[in-house]
Amino acid sequence: MLPIDKNLTFLLVLLATWELVWKGMALWKASKNNQKNWFVALLLINSIGILPILYLKLFQKKHR
């Protein structure tokens, strides 16, 4: 069995948590805004939070 570097494990957990939080918020907004294409893209593409942040800041529908 290979030794596991604790720093690498911490980094992976941190990145996974980061992705989960941003992806969750973006998926929620995409579903509420009935943006099916964005929902599917956000669900399938893992981008360490970059795509969800871009969606939330630039592409979601603004409600007035």
C-alpha atoms as a PDB file:
ATOM      1  CA  MET A   1       0.000   0.000   0.000  1.00  0.00           C
ATOM      2  CA  LEU A   2       1.307   3.440  -0.910  1.00  0.00           C
ATOM      3  CA  PRO A   3       1.820   6.002   1.835  1.00  0.00           C
ATOM      4  CA  ILE A   4      -0.683   8.855   1.726  1.00  0.00           C
ATOM      5  CA  ASP A   5       0.629  12.371   2.082  1.00  0.00           C
ATOM      6  CA  LYS A   6      -1.470  14.222   4.668  1.00  0.00           C
ATOM      7  CA  ASN A   7      -1.011  17.548   2.883  1.00  0.00           C
ATOM      8  CA  LEU A   8      -2.308  16.086  -0.357  1.00  0.00           C
ATOM      9  CA  THR A   9      -5.279  14.563   1.426  1.00  0.00           C
ATOM     10  CA  PHE A  10      -6.073  17.887   3.082  1.00  0.00           C
ATOM     11  CA  LEU A  11      -5.813  19.694  -0.260  1.00  0.00           C
ATOM     12  CA  LEU A  12      -8.120  17.206  -1.975  1.00  0.00           C
ATOM     13  CA  VAL A  13     -10.707  17.469   0.801  1.00  0.00           C
ATOM     14  CA  LEU A  14     -10.498  21.255   0.680  1.00  0.00           C
ATOM     15  CA  LEU A  15     -10.943  21.336  -3.113  1.00  0.00           C
ATOM     16  CA  ALA A  16     -13.818  18.855  -2.984  1.00  0.00           C
ATOM     17  CA  THR A  17     -15.577  20.952  -0.349  1.00  0.00           C
ATOM     18  CA  TRP A  18     -14.973  24.130  -2.370  1.00  0.00           C
ATOM     19  CA  GLU A  19     -16.425  22.491  -5.499  1.00  0.00           C
ATOM     20  CA  LEU A  20     -19.407  21.075  -3.613  1.00  0.00           C
ATOM     21  CA  VAL A  21     -20.394  24.431  -2.118  1.00  0.00           C
ATOM     22  CA  TRP A  22     -20.164  26.394  -5.367  1.00  0.00           C
ATOM     23  CA  LYS A  23     -21.714  23.632  -7.450  1.00  0.00           C
ATOM     24  CA  GLY A  24     -24.606  23.303  -5.015  1.00  0.00           C
ATOM     25  CA  MET A  25     -25.380  27.018  -5.151  1.00  0.00           C
ATOM     26  CA  ALA A  26     -25.114  27.144  -8.939  1.00  0.00           C
ATOM     27  CA  LEU A  27     -27.253  24.035  -9.447  1.00  0.00           C
ATOM     28  CA  TRP A  28     -29.889  25.474  -7.131  1.00  0.00           C
ATOM     29  CA  LYS A  29     -30.014  28.754  -9.064  1.00  0.00           C
ATOM     30  CA  ALA A  30     -30.006  27.028 -12.462  1.00  0.00           C
ATOM     31  CA  SER A  31     -32.914  24.805 -11.471  1.00  0.00           C
ATOM     32  CA  LYS A  32     -34.900  27.702  -9.995  1.00  0.00           C
ATOM     33  CA  ASN A  33     -34.304  29.719 -13.179  1.00  0.00           C
ATOM     34  CA  ASN A  34     -35.315  26.763 -15.376  1.00  0.00           C
ATOM     35  CA  GLN A  35     -31.958  26.821 -17.181  1.00  0.00           C
ATOM     36  CA  LYS A  36     -31.716  23.145 -18.081  1.00  0.00           C
ATOM     37  CA  ASN A  37     -28.597  23.409 -20.239  1.00  0.00           C
ATOM     38  CA  TRP A  38     -26.693  25.178 -17.479  1.00  0.00           C
ATOM     39  CA  PHE A  39     -27.928  22.646 -14.937  1.00  0.00           C
ATOM     40  CA  VAL A  40     -26.605  19.730 -16.990  1.00  0.00           C
ATOM     41  CA  ALA A  41     -23.293  21.471 -17.708  1.00  0.00           C
ATOM     42  CA  LEU A  42     -22.790  22.352 -14.052  1.00  0.00           C
ATOM     43  CA  LEU A  43     -23.676  18.829 -13.004  1.00  0.00           C
ATOM     44  CA  LEU A  44     -21.306  17.080 -15.411  1.00  0.00           C
ATOM     45  CA  ILE A  45     -18.276  19.375 -15.571  1.00  0.00           C
ATOM     46  CA  ASN A  46     -15.886  19.379 -12.623  1.00  0.00           C
ATOM     47  CA  SER A  47     -13.918  22.610 -12.703  1.00  0.00           C
ATOM     48  CA  ILE A  48     -12.882  23.164  -9.077  1.00  0.00           C
ATOM     49  CA  GLY A  49     -15.627  25.737  -8.711  1.00  0.00           C
ATOM     50  CA  ILE A  50     -14.696  27.888 -11.699  1.00  0.00           C
ATOM     51  CA  LEU A  51     -17.749  27.126 -13.863  1.00  0.00           C
ATOM     52  CA  PRO A  52     -20.237  27.495 -10.978  1.00  0.00           C
ATOM     53  CA  ILE A  53     -18.696  30.830  -9.979  1.00  0.00           C
ATOM     54  CA  LEU A  54     -18.846  32.068 -13.573  1.00  0.00           C
ATOM     55  CA  TYR A  55     -22.463  30.983 -13.837  1.00  0.00           C
ATOM     56  CA  LEU A  56     -23.448  32.669 -10.576  1.00  0.00           C
ATOM     57  CA  LYS A  57     -21.648  35.913 -11.386  1.00  0.00           C
ATOM     58  CA  LEU A  58     -22.263  36.254 -15.132  1.00  0.00           C
ATOM     59  CA  PHE A  59     -24.899  33.978 -16.614  1.00  0.00           C
ATOM     60  CA  GLN A  60     -27.789  33.409 -14.234  1.00  0.00           C
ATOM     61  CA  LYS A  61     -31.072  35.117 -14.969  1.00  0.00           C
ATOM     62  CA  LYS A  62     -31.687  38.223 -12.930  1.00  0.00           C
ATOM     63  CA  HIS A  63     -35.124  38.443 -11.327  1.00  0.00           C
ATOM     64  CA  ARG A  64     -36.762  41.804 -10.932  1.00  0.00           C
END
